[in-house]
Amino acid sequence: MKKEIENQKKIDKLMDDFILMIEQSWTFGKMTKTEKLNCRYMLTAHTTKNALKGTYKQRWEILQACYSAFLDGLGYTGANWRETEESSPTF
């Protein structure tokens, strides 16, 4: 019973953990203010919350898939996404 309560507390904290991780990511830092608001909205939307089922790990993976789809929608292309010539390293 104690383990179930601890697991539920961890699951209840999942969204806070995920959003904190996303907000510290370099991809989030490259987004416009509007994109950041839309990302937070997408992660906390009723449809997203309804999709979160299973263990902490399973729910985390669902949120990762949602974030990945969001980035794809923004045209994410990998390590050089939204790099300018000024910010790109020269070799």
Protein backbone atom coordinates (compact mmCIF):
# COMPACT_ATOMS: atom_id res chain seq x y z
CA MET A 1 0.00 0.00 0.00
CA LYS A 2 2.81 2.43 0.89
CA LYS A 3 4.57 1.74 -2.42
CA GLU A 4 1.33 2.41 -4.34
CA ILE A 5 0.95 5.76 -2.58
CA GLU A 6 4.58 6.67 -3.36
CA ASN A 7 4.08 5.68 -7.01
CA GLN A 8 0.94 7.81 -7.23
CA LYS A 9 2.74 10.80 -5.72
CA LYS A 10 5.49 10.37 -8.31
CA ILE A 11 2.93 10.12 -11.13
CA ASP A 12 1.13 13.21 -9.80
CA LYS A 13 4.44 15.14 -10.07
CA LEU A 14 5.10 13.89 -13.62
CA MET A 15 3.83 16.93 -15.49
CA ASP A 16 5.83 19.34 -13.33
CA ASP A 17 8.97 17.20 -13.85
CA PHE A 18 8.44 17.04 -17.61
CA ILE A 19 7.70 20.73 -18.11
CA LEU A 20 10.74 21.68 -16.01
CA MET A 21 12.93 19.43 -18.16
CA ILE A 22 11.48 20.85 -21.40
CA GLU A 23 11.85 24.47 -20.27
CA GLN A 24 15.55 23.83 -19.60
CA SER A 25 16.13 22.31 -23.04
CA TRP A 26 17.94 24.16 -25.82
CA THR A 27 15.06 23.46 -28.23
CA PHE A 28 12.62 25.26 -25.92
CA GLY A 29 15.10 28.14 -25.73
CA LYS A 30 15.01 28.48 -29.54
CA MET A 31 11.20 28.86 -29.59
CA THR A 32 9.35 32.14 -29.89
CA LYS A 33 7.23 33.32 -26.96
CA THR A 34 4.08 32.16 -28.77
CA GLU A 35 5.57 28.74 -29.50
CA LYS A 36 6.53 28.34 -25.84
CA LEU A 37 2.98 29.18 -24.76
CA ASN A 38 1.57 26.77 -27.33
CA CYS A 39 3.95 24.04 -26.14
CA ARG A 40 2.87 24.47 -22.52
CA TYR A 41 -0.76 24.47 -23.62
CA MET A 42 -0.27 21.28 -25.66
CA LEU A 43 1.38 19.50 -22.75
CA THR A 44 -1.31 20.48 -20.25
CA ALA A 45 -4.32 20.18 -22.58
CA HIS A 46 -7.21 17.93 -21.62
CA THR A 47 -6.53 15.63 -24.58
CA THR A 48 -2.91 15.15 -23.52
CA LYS A 49 -3.88 14.48 -19.91
CA ASN A 50 -6.45 11.91 -21.08
CA ALA A 51 -3.76 10.10 -23.10
CA LEU A 52 -1.49 9.67 -20.08
CA LYS A 53 -1.98 6.12 -18.86
CA GLY A 54 0.28 3.60 -17.21
CA THR A 55 3.42 3.89 -15.15
CA TYR A 56 5.53 7.01 -14.67
CA LYS A 57 7.90 5.77 -17.39
CA GLN A 58 5.07 5.03 -19.83
CA ARG A 59 3.50 8.43 -19.23
CA TRP A 60 6.92 10.12 -19.65
CA GLU A 61 7.32 8.38 -23.01
CA ILE A 62 3.87 9.59 -24.10
CA LEU A 63 4.87 13.16 -23.23
CA GLN A 64 8.16 12.70 -25.10
CA ALA A 65 6.17 11.61 -28.18
CA CYS A 66 3.90 14.66 -27.85
CA TYR A 67 6.88 17.00 -27.56
CA SER A 68 8.61 15.35 -30.49
CA ALA A 69 5.48 15.81 -32.62
CA PHE A 70 5.28 19.44 -31.51
CA LEU A 71 8.90 20.02 -32.55
CA ASP A 72 8.25 18.31 -35.88
CA GLY A 73 5.36 20.72 -36.41
CA LEU A 74 7.79 23.61 -35.85
CA GLY A 75 10.11 22.24 -38.52
CA TYR A 76 12.72 20.83 -36.14
CA THR A 77 15.68 19.53 -38.15
CA GLY A 78 18.18 18.48 -35.51
CA ALA A 79 21.30 20.01 -34.02
CA ASN A 80 21.41 23.02 -36.37
CA TRP A 81 17.74 23.92 -35.95
CA ARG A 82 17.29 27.67 -35.97
CA GLU A 83 21.02 28.33 -35.94
CA THR A 84 22.14 31.54 -37.53
CA GLU A 85 25.45 32.00 -39.24
CA GLU A 86 26.56 34.18 -36.34
CA SER A 87 25.85 31.47 -33.75
CA SER A 88 27.19 28.56 -35.77
CA PRO A 89 30.70 27.42 -34.88
CA THR A 90 33.41 27.95 -37.45
CA PHE A 91 35.95 25.24 -38.02
